[in-house]
Amino acid sequence: MSRATAFNKPSVDNFFRILKDELVKHNVTADRLWNADESGLRVVVQKPGQIMAKLGQEQVGKTTSAEKGQTTTVMCAVNAVGIHLPPI
């Protein structure tokens, strides 16, 4: 809930103002600005069961237990000029 309420124009504008000031202060160029992300991939593929919902319902989901199978973590990184590292 706090994420949703904190995501507003003044907060976002303030974040980007501080980011810009720090990038200029430390002379960070695009080739030194990296973004990394990790994802958990399930090794065991399971056929999803049937889900029943009301006709016309737009968001339908099902939660499954994370205990079935193994999860492998993959990490990817790319910088602001588009250079990427091989996934690890």
PDB file of N, CA and C in Angstrom:
ATOM      1  N   MET A   1       0.826  -1.198   0.000  1.00  0.00           N
ATOM      2  CA  MET A   1       0.000   0.000   0.000  1.00  0.00           C
ATOM      3  C   MET A   1       0.872   1.264   0.000  1.00  0.00           C
ATOM      4  N   SER A   2       1.961   1.212   0.758  1.00  0.00           N
ATOM      5  CA  SER A   2       2.811   2.410   0.820  1.00  0.00           C
ATOM      6  C   SER A   2       3.457   2.712  -0.525  1.00  0.00           C
ATOM      7  N   ARG A   3       3.798   1.661  -1.294  1.00  0.00           N
ATOM      8  CA  ARG A   3       4.344   1.889  -2.639  1.00  0.00           C
ATOM      9  C   ARG A   3       3.336   2.604  -3.522  1.00  0.00           C
ATOM     10  N   ALA A   4       2.109   2.147  -3.468  1.00  0.00           N
ATOM     11  CA  ALA A   4       1.075   2.723  -4.330  1.00  0.00           C
ATOM     12  C   ALA A   4       0.817   4.188  -3.977  1.00  0.00           C
ATOM     13  N   THR A   5       0.795   4.504  -2.699  1.00  0.00           N
ATOM     14  CA  THR A   5       0.509   5.885  -2.299  1.00  0.00           C
ATOM     15  C   THR A   5       1.714   6.796  -2.507  1.00  0.00           C
ATOM     16  N   ALA A   6       2.931   6.239  -2.464  1.00  0.00           N
ATOM     17  CA  ALA A   6       4.136   7.056  -2.644  1.00  0.00           C
ATOM     18  C   ALA A   6       4.428   7.327  -4.114  1.00  0.00           C
ATOM     19  N   PHE A   7       3.805   6.576  -5.003  1.00  0.00           N
ATOM     20  CA  PHE A   7       4.038   6.764  -6.431  1.00  0.00           C
ATOM     21  C   PHE A   7       3.121   7.864  -6.939  1.00  0.00           C
ATOM     22  N   ASN A   8       3.612   9.100  -6.843  1.00  0.00           N
ATOM     23  CA  ASN A   8       2.848  10.253  -7.315  1.00  0.00           C
ATOM     24  C   ASN A   8       3.814  11.222  -7.997  1.00  0.00           C
ATOM     25  N   LYS A   9       3.286  12.204  -8.691  1.00  0.00           N
ATOM     26  CA  LYS A   9       4.123  13.112  -9.481  1.00  0.00           C
ATOM     27  C   LYS A   9       5.178  13.836  -8.653  1.00  0.00           C
ATOM     28  N   PRO A  10       4.856  14.433  -7.497  1.00  0.00           N
ATOM     29  CA  PRO A  10       5.911  15.106  -6.722  1.00  0.00           C
ATOM     30  C   PRO A  10       7.034  14.154  -6.286  1.00  0.00           C
ATOM     31  N   SER A  11       6.699  12.934  -5.877  1.00  0.00           N
ATOM     32  CA  SER A  11       7.719  11.980  -5.444  1.00  0.00           C
ATOM     33  C   SER A  11       8.603  11.553  -6.615  1.00  0.00           C
ATOM     34  N   VAL A  12       7.990  11.283  -7.759  1.00  0.00           N
ATOM     35  CA  VAL A  12       8.749  10.865  -8.939  1.00  0.00           C
ATOM     36  C   VAL A  12       9.636  12.006  -9.428  1.00  0.00           C
ATOM     37  N   ASP A  13       9.094  13.226  -9.463  1.00  0.00           N
ATOM     38  CA  ASP A  13       9.891  14.390  -9.871  1.00  0.00           C
ATOM     39  C   ASP A  13      11.078  14.592  -8.936  1.00  0.00           C
ATOM     40  N   ASN A  14      10.859  14.427  -7.640  1.00  0.00           N
ATOM     41  CA  ASN A  14      11.927  14.578  -6.659  1.00  0.00           C
ATOM     42  C   ASN A  14      12.996  13.510  -6.856  1.00  0.00           C
ATOM     43  N   PHE A  15      12.582  12.259  -7.099  1.00  0.00           N
ATOM     44  CA  PHE A  15      13.537  11.178  -7.342  1.00  0.00           C
ATOM     45  C   PHE A  15      14.435  11.503  -8.531  1.00  0.00           C
ATOM     46  N   PHE A  16      13.837  11.922  -9.654  1.00  0.00           N
ATOM     47  CA  PHE A  16      14.630  12.188 -10.846  1.00  0.00           C
ATOM     48  C   PHE A  16      15.495  13.436 -10.695  1.00  0.00           C
ATOM     49  N   ARG A  17      15.070  14.405  -9.884  1.00  0.00           N
ATOM     50  CA  ARG A  17      15.901  15.579  -9.612  1.00  0.00           C
ATOM     51  C   ARG A  17      17.148  15.155  -8.840  1.00  0.00           C
ATOM     52  N   ILE A  18      16.961  14.324  -7.805  1.00  0.00           N
ATOM     53  CA  ILE A  18      18.089  13.840  -7.008  1.00  0.00           C
ATOM     54  C   ILE A  18      19.004  12.965  -7.879  1.00  0.00           C
ATOM     55  N   LEU A  19      18.421  12.093  -8.701  1.00  0.00           N
ATOM     56  CA  LEU A  19      19.217  11.245  -9.584  1.00  0.00           C
ATOM     57  C   LEU A  19      20.068  12.085 -10.522  1.00  0.00           C
ATOM     58  N   LYS A  20      19.464  13.075 -11.148  1.00  0.00           N
ATOM     59  CA  LYS A  20      20.209  13.935 -12.069  1.00  0.00           C
ATOM     60  C   LYS A  20      21.347  14.655 -11.353  1.00  0.00           C
ATOM     61  N   ASP A  21      21.071  15.197 -10.164  1.00  0.00           N
ATOM     62  CA  ASP A  21      22.109  15.890  -9.392  1.00  0.00           C
ATOM     63  C   ASP A  21      23.275  14.962  -9.074  1.00  0.00           C
ATOM     64  N   GLU A  22      22.995  13.727  -8.688  1.00  0.00           N
ATOM     65  CA  GLU A  22      24.052  12.767  -8.345  1.00  0.00           C
ATOM     66  C   GLU A  22      24.844  12.343  -9.585  1.00  0.00           C
ATOM     67  N   LEU A  23      24.154  12.144 -10.711  1.00  0.00           N
ATOM     68  CA  LEU A  23      24.851  11.771 -11.944  1.00  0.00           C
ATOM     69  C   LEU A  23      25.813  12.873 -12.377  1.00  0.00           C
ATOM     70  N   VAL A  24      25.382  14.124 -12.268  1.00  0.00           N
ATOM     71  CA  VAL A  24      26.242  15.259 -12.637  1.00  0.00           C
ATOM     72  C   VAL A  24      27.377  15.395 -11.628  1.00  0.00           C
ATOM     73  N   LYS A  25      27.065  15.301 -10.348  1.00  0.00           N
ATOM     74  CA  LYS A  25      28.061  15.445  -9.276  1.00  0.00           C
ATOM     75  C   LYS A  25      29.195  14.434  -9.415  1.00  0.00           C
ATOM     76  N   HIS A  26      28.875  13.193  -9.770  1.00  0.00           N
ATOM     77  CA  HIS A  26      29.875  12.135  -9.866  1.00  0.00           C
ATOM     78  C   HIS A  26      30.319  11.854 -11.301  1.00  0.00           C
ATOM     79  N   ASN A  27      29.891  12.699 -12.234  1.00  0.00           N
ATOM     80  CA  ASN A  27      30.268  12.581 -13.644  1.00  0.00           C
ATOM     81  C   ASN A  27      30.001  11.172 -14.191  1.00  0.00           C
ATOM     82  N   VAL A  28      28.803  10.668 -13.957  1.00  0.00           N
ATOM     83  CA  VAL A  28      28.421   9.336 -14.425  1.00  0.00           C
ATOM     84  C   VAL A  28      27.919   9.447 -15.862  1.00  0.00           C
ATOM     85  N   THR A  29      28.586   8.727 -16.759  1.00  0.00           N
ATOM     86  CA  THR A  29      28.173   8.712 -18.155  1.00  0.00           C
ATOM     87  C   THR A  29      27.309   7.476 -18.405  1.00  0.00           C
ATOM     88  N   ALA A  30      26.633   7.448 -19.541  1.00  0.00           N
ATOM     89  CA  ALA A  30      25.679   6.370 -19.844  1.00  0.00           C
ATOM     90  C   ALA A  30      26.325   4.995 -19.850  1.00  0.00           C
ATOM     91  N   ASP A  31      27.590   4.918 -20.236  1.00  0.00           N
ATOM     92  CA  ASP A  31      28.254   3.613 -20.263  1.00  0.00           C
ATOM     93  C   ASP A  31      28.576   3.090 -18.856  1.00  0.00           C
ATOM     94  N   ARG A  32      28.450   3.946 -17.843  1.00  0.00           N
ATOM     95  CA  ARG A  32      28.697   3.529 -16.460  1.00  0.00           C
ATOM     96  C   ARG A  32      27.407   3.374 -15.663  1.00  0.00           C
ATOM     97  N   LEU A  33      26.273   3.555 -16.301  1.00  0.00           N
ATOM     98  CA  LEU A  33      24.977   3.462 -15.629  1.00  0.00           C
ATOM     99  C   LEU A  33      24.330   2.137 -15.994  1.00  0.00           C
ATOM    100  N   TRP A  34      24.269   1.212 -15.031  1.00  0.00           N
ATOM    101  CA  TRP A  34      23.800  -0.157 -15.269  1.00  0.00           C
ATOM    102  C   TRP A  34      22.496  -0.435 -14.545  1.00  0.00           C
ATOM    103  N   ASN A  35      21.723  -1.329 -15.117  1.00  0.00           N
ATOM    104  CA  ASN A  35      20.522  -1.839 -14.468  1.00  0.00           C
ATOM    105  C   ASN A  35      20.634  -3.360 -14.462  1.00  0.00           C
ATOM    106  N   ALA A  36      20.354  -3.951 -13.303  1.00  0.00           N
ATOM    107  CA  ALA A  36      20.401  -5.410 -13.186  1.00  0.00           C
ATOM    108  C   ALA A  36      19.075  -5.895 -12.624  1.00  0.00           C
ATOM    109  N   ASP A  37      18.686  -7.079 -13.043  1.00  0.00           N
ATOM    110  CA  ASP A  37      17.431  -7.656 -12.573  1.00  0.00           C
ATOM    111  C   ASP A  37      17.600  -9.152 -12.420  1.00  0.00           C
ATOM    112  N   GLU A  38      16.969  -9.700 -11.402  1.00  0.00           N
ATOM    113  CA  GLU A  38      16.994 -11.143 -11.215  1.00  0.00           C
ATOM    114  C   GLU A  38      15.585 -11.695 -11.353  1.00  0.00           C
ATOM    115  N   SER A  39      15.510 -12.904 -11.847  1.00  0.00           N
ATOM    116  CA  SER A  39      14.225 -13.582 -12.006  1.00  0.00           C
ATOM    117  C   SER A  39      14.372 -15.023 -11.542  1.00  0.00           C
ATOM    118  N   GLY A  40      13.340 -15.525 -10.918  1.00  0.00           N
ATOM    119  CA  GLY A  40      13.322 -16.924 -10.513  1.00  0.00           C
ATOM    120  C   GLY A  40      12.570 -17.732 -11.555  1.00  0.00           C
ATOM    121  N   LEU A  41      13.221 -18.752 -12.107  1.00  0.00           N
ATOM    122  CA  LEU A  41      12.609 -19.594 -13.130  1.00  0.00           C
ATOM    123  C   LEU A  41      12.376 -20.986 -12.553  1.00  0.00           C
ATOM    124  N   ARG A  42      11.172 -21.483 -12.713  1.00  0.00           N
ATOM    125  CA  ARG A  42      10.864 -22.829 -12.231  1.00  0.00           C
ATOM    126  C   ARG A  42      11.372 -23.853 -13.213  1.00  0.00           C
ATOM    127  N   VAL A  43      12.062 -24.850 -12.703  1.00  0.00           N
ATOM    128  CA  VAL A  43      12.639 -25.887 -13.542  1.00  0.00           C
ATOM    129  C   VAL A  43      11.572 -26.901 -13.944  1.00  0.00           C
ATOM    130  N   VAL A  44      10.668 -27.221 -13.052  1.00  0.00           N
ATOM    131  CA  VAL A  44       9.629 -28.199 -13.323  1.00  0.00           C
ATOM    132  C   VAL A  44       8.433 -27.488 -13.935  1.00  0.00           C
ATOM    133  N   VAL A  45       8.074 -27.885 -15.139  1.00  0.00           N
ATOM    134  CA  VAL A  45       6.935 -27.280 -15.823  1.00  0.00           C
ATOM    135  C   VAL A  45       5.692 -28.104 -15.496  1.00  0.00           C
ATOM    136  N   GLN A  46       4.663 -27.427 -15.049  1.00  0.00           N
ATOM    137  CA  GLN A  46       3.415 -28.105 -14.739  1.00  0.00           C
ATOM    138  C   GLN A  46       2.317 -27.562 -15.633  1.00  0.00           C
ATOM    139  N   LYS A  47       1.463 -28.443 -16.056  1.00  0.00           N
ATOM    140  CA  LYS A  47       0.323 -28.018 -16.854  1.00  0.00           C
ATOM    141  C   LYS A  47      -0.640 -27.294 -15.923  1.00  0.00           C
ATOM    142  N   PRO A  48      -1.007 -26.052 -16.269  1.00  0.00           N
ATOM    143  CA  PRO A  48      -1.936 -25.330 -15.403  1.00  0.00           C
ATOM    144  C   PRO A  48      -3.314 -25.980 -15.396  1.00  0.00           C
ATOM    145  N   GLY A  49      -3.931 -26.004 -14.233  1.00  0.00           N
ATOM    146  CA  GLY A  49      -5.278 -26.556 -14.122  1.00  0.00           C
ATOM    147  C   GLY A  49      -6.302 -25.588 -14.679  1.00  0.00           C
ATOM    148  N   GLN A  50      -7.525 -26.032 -14.758  1.00  0.00           N
ATOM    149  CA  GLN A  50      -8.585 -25.162 -15.267  1.00  0.00           C
ATOM    150  C   GLN A  50      -8.970 -24.136 -14.202  1.00  0.00           C
ATOM    151  N   ILE A  51      -9.285 -22.942 -14.665  1.00  0.00           N
ATOM    152  CA  ILE A  51      -9.713 -21.863 -13.779  1.00  0.00           C
ATOM    153  C   ILE A  51     -11.092 -21.432 -14.230  1.00  0.00           C
ATOM    154  N   MET A  52     -12.019 -21.366 -13.292  1.00  0.00           N
ATOM    155  CA  MET A  52     -13.374 -20.928 -13.627  1.00  0.00           C
ATOM    156  C   MET A  52     -13.564 -19.498 -13.137  1.00  0.00           C
ATOM    157  N   ALA A  53     -14.191 -18.666 -13.963  1.00  0.00           N
ATOM    158  CA  ALA A  53     -14.437 -17.271 -13.612  1.00  0.00           C
ATOM    159  C   ALA A  53     -15.728 -16.822 -14.265  1.00  0.00           C
ATOM    160  N   LYS A  54     -16.241 -15.707 -13.791  1.00  0.00           N
ATOM    161  CA  LYS A  54     -17.443 -15.137 -14.385  1.00  0.00           C
ATOM    162  C   LYS A  54     -17.143 -14.661 -15.797  1.00  0.00           C
ATOM    163  N   LEU A  55     -18.094 -14.772 -16.677  1.00  0.00           N
ATOM    164  CA  LEU A  55     -17.956 -14.326 -18.048  1.00  0.00           C
ATOM    165  C   LEU A  55     -17.689 -12.822 -18.064  1.00  0.00           C
ATOM    166  N   GLY A  56     -16.677 -12.410 -18.794  1.00  0.00           N
ATOM    167  CA  GLY A  56     -16.359 -10.993 -18.923  1.00  0.00           C
ATOM    168  C   GLY A  56     -15.358 -10.493 -17.891  1.00  0.00           C
ATOM    169  N   GLN A  57     -14.974 -11.319 -16.935  1.00  0.00           N
ATOM    170  CA  GLN A  57     -13.992 -10.893 -15.932  1.00  0.00           C
ATOM    171  C   GLN A  57     -12.634 -10.774 -16.612  1.00  0.00           C
ATOM    172  N   GLU A  58     -11.958  -9.616 -16.433  1.00  0.00           N
ATOM    173  CA  GLU A  58     -10.731  -9.359 -17.179  1.00  0.00           C
ATOM    174  C   GLU A  58      -9.492  -9.956 -16.531  1.00  0.00           C
ATOM    175  N   GLN A  59      -9.408  -9.946 -15.208  1.00  0.00           N
ATOM    176  CA  GLN A  59      -8.216 -10.478 -14.556  1.00  0.00           C
ATOM    177  C   GLN A  59      -8.572 -11.755 -13.812  1.00  0.00           C
ATOM    178  N   VAL A  60      -7.999 -12.830 -14.269  1.00  0.00           N
ATOM    179  CA  VAL A  60      -8.247 -14.124 -13.659  1.00  0.00           C
ATOM    180  C   VAL A  60      -6.887 -14.739 -13.364  1.00  0.00           C
ATOM    181  N   GLY A  61      -6.682 -15.194 -12.159  1.00  0.00           N
ATOM    182  CA  GLY A  61      -5.389 -15.784 -11.824  1.00  0.00           C
ATOM    183  C   GLY A  61      -5.539 -16.953 -10.889  1.00  0.00           C
ATOM    184  N   LYS A  62      -4.443 -17.652 -10.715  1.00  0.00           N
ATOM    185  CA  LYS A  62      -4.420 -18.798  -9.818  1.00  0.00           C
ATOM    186  C   LYS A  62      -3.073 -18.785  -9.110  1.00  0.00           C
ATOM    187  N   THR A  63      -3.073 -19.003  -7.822  1.00  0.00           N
ATOM    188  CA  THR A  63      -1.827 -19.077  -7.065  1.00  0.00           C
ATOM    189  C   THR A  63      -1.443 -20.535  -6.891  1.00  0.00           C
ATOM    190  N   THR A  64      -0.175 -20.824  -7.085  1.00  0.00           N
ATOM    191  CA  THR A  64       0.288 -22.191  -6.905  1.00  0.00           C
ATOM    192  C   THR A  64       1.385 -22.219  -5.859  1.00  0.00           C
ATOM    193  N   SER A  65       1.595 -23.336  -5.283  1.00  0.00           N
ATOM    194  CA  SER A  65       2.617 -23.504  -4.259  1.00  0.00           C
ATOM    195  C   SER A  65       3.998 -23.452  -4.890  1.00  0.00           C
ATOM    196  N   ALA A  66       4.926 -22.757  -4.233  1.00  0.00           N
ATOM    197  CA  ALA A  66       6.292 -22.657  -4.735  1.00  0.00           C
ATOM    198  C   ALA A  66       7.129 -23.865  -4.338  1.00  0.00           C
ATOM    199  N   GLU A  67       6.544 -24.789  -3.601  1.00  0.00           N
ATOM    200  CA  GLU A  67       7.295 -25.939  -3.110  1.00  0.00           C
ATOM    201  C   GLU A  67       7.502 -27.004  -4.175  1.00  0.00           C
ATOM    202  N   LYS A  68       6.757 -26.994  -5.233  1.00  0.00           N
ATOM    203  CA  LYS A  68       6.846 -28.021  -6.265  1.00  0.00           C
ATOM    204  C   LYS A  68       7.975 -27.680  -7.234  1.00  0.00           C
ATOM    205  N   GLY A  69       8.917 -28.574  -7.402  1.00  0.00           N
ATOM    206  CA  GLY A  69       9.998 -28.354  -8.341  1.00  0.00           C
ATOM    207  C   GLY A  69      11.098 -27.484  -7.765  1.00  0.00           C
ATOM    208  N   GLN A  70      12.057 -27.125  -8.614  1.00  0.00           N
ATOM    209  CA  GLN A  70      13.177 -26.295  -8.214  1.00  0.00           C
ATOM    210  C   GLN A  70      13.079 -24.949  -8.914  1.00  0.00           C
ATOM    211  N   THR A  71      13.658 -23.936  -8.288  1.00  0.00           N
ATOM    212  CA  THR A  71      13.710 -22.612  -8.885  1.00  0.00           C
ATOM    213  C   THR A  71      15.161 -22.263  -9.161  1.00  0.00           C
ATOM    214  N   THR A  72      15.433 -21.788 -10.353  1.00  0.00           N
ATOM    215  CA  THR A  72      16.769 -21.334 -10.730  1.00  0.00           C
ATOM    216  C   THR A  72      16.711 -19.820 -10.867  1.00  0.00           C
ATOM    217  N   THR A  73      17.683 -19.141 -10.257  1.00  0.00           N
ATOM    218  CA  THR A  73      17.732 -17.686 -10.335  1.00  0.00           C
ATOM    219  C   THR A  73      18.629 -17.265 -11.490  1.00  0.00           C
ATOM    220  N   VAL A  74      18.139 -16.349 -12.310  1.00  0.00           N
ATOM    221  CA  VAL A  74      18.889 -15.812 -13.445  1.00  0.00           C
ATOM    222  C   VAL A  74      19.029 -14.314 -13.238  1.00  0.00           C
ATOM    223  N   MET A  75      20.218 -13.786 -13.483  1.00  0.00           N
ATOM    224  CA  MET A  75      20.438 -12.344 -13.349  1.00  0.00           C
ATOM    225  C   MET A  75      20.952 -11.796 -14.670  1.00  0.00           C
ATOM    226  N   CYS A  76      20.363 -10.691 -15.110  1.00  0.00           N
ATOM    227  CA  CYS A  76      20.741 -10.024 -16.351  1.00  0.00           C
ATOM    228  C   CYS A  76      21.097  -8.573 -16.040  1.00  0.00           C
ATOM    229  N   ALA A  77      22.016  -8.000 -16.812  1.00  0.00           N
ATOM    230  CA  ALA A  77      22.408  -6.606 -16.611  1.00  0.00           C
ATOM    231  C   ALA A  77      22.630  -5.943 -17.967  1.00  0.00           C
ATOM    232  N   VAL A  78      22.211  -4.672 -18.064  1.00  0.00           N
ATOM    233  CA  VAL A  78      22.383  -3.880 -19.280  1.00  0.00           C
ATOM    234  C   VAL A  78      22.684  -2.441 -18.872  1.00  0.00           C
ATOM    235  N   ASN A  79      23.530  -1.756 -19.654  1.00  0.00           N
ATOM    236  CA  ASN A  79      23.803  -0.362 -19.307  1.00  0.00           C
ATOM    237  C   ASN A  79      22.996   0.575 -20.202  1.00  0.00           C
ATOM    238  N   ALA A  80      23.120   1.863 -19.935  1.00  0.00           N
ATOM    239  CA  ALA A  80      22.282   2.858 -20.592  1.00  0.00           C
ATOM    240  C   ALA A  80      22.593   3.044 -22.078  1.00  0.00           C
ATOM    241  N   VAL A  81      23.720   2.525 -22.557  1.00  0.00           N
ATOM    242  CA  VAL A  81      24.009   2.608 -23.994  1.00  0.00           C
ATOM    243  C   VAL A  81      23.668   1.311 -24.714  1.00  0.00           C
ATOM    244  N   GLY A  82      23.153   0.315 -23.965  1.00  0.00           N
ATOM    245  CA  GLY A  82      22.665  -0.909 -24.590  1.00  0.00           C
ATOM    246  C   GLY A  82      23.621  -2.100 -24.530  1.00  0.00           C
ATOM    247  N   ILE A  83      24.755  -1.932 -23.875  1.00  0.00           N
ATOM    248  CA  ILE A  83      25.674  -3.070 -23.726  1.00  0.00           C
ATOM    249  C   ILE A  83      25.119  -3.977 -22.633  1.00  0.00           C
ATOM    250  N   HIS A  84      25.129  -5.289 -22.923  1.00  0.00           N
ATOM    251  CA  HIS A  84      24.589  -6.224 -21.925  1.00  0.00           C
ATOM    252  C   HIS A  84      25.636  -7.263 -21.564  1.00  0.00           C
ATOM    253  N   LEU A  85      25.511  -7.770 -20.348  1.00  0.00           N
ATOM    254  CA  LEU A  85      26.363  -8.855 -19.893  1.00  0.00           C
ATOM    255  C   LEU A  85      25.647 -10.169 -20.139  1.00  0.00           C
ATOM    256  N   PRO A  86      26.377 -11.255 -20.319  1.00  0.00           N
ATOM    257  CA  PRO A  86      25.724 -12.547 -20.449  1.00  0.00           C
ATOM    258  C   PRO A  86      24.955 -12.867 -19.163  1.00  0.00           C
ATOM    259  N   PRO A  87      23.802 -13.502 -19.257  1.00  0.00           N
ATOM    260  CA  PRO A  87      23.042 -13.854 -18.052  1.00  0.00           C
ATOM    261  C   PRO A  87      23.851 -14.796 -17.164  1.00  0.00           C
ATOM    262  N   ILE A  88      23.693 -14.622 -15.869  1.00  0.00           N
ATOM    263  CA  ILE A  88      24.349 -15.538 -14.929  1.00  0.00           C
ATOM    264  C   ILE A  88      23.304 -16.180 -14.051  1.00  0.00           C
TER     265      ILE A  88
END
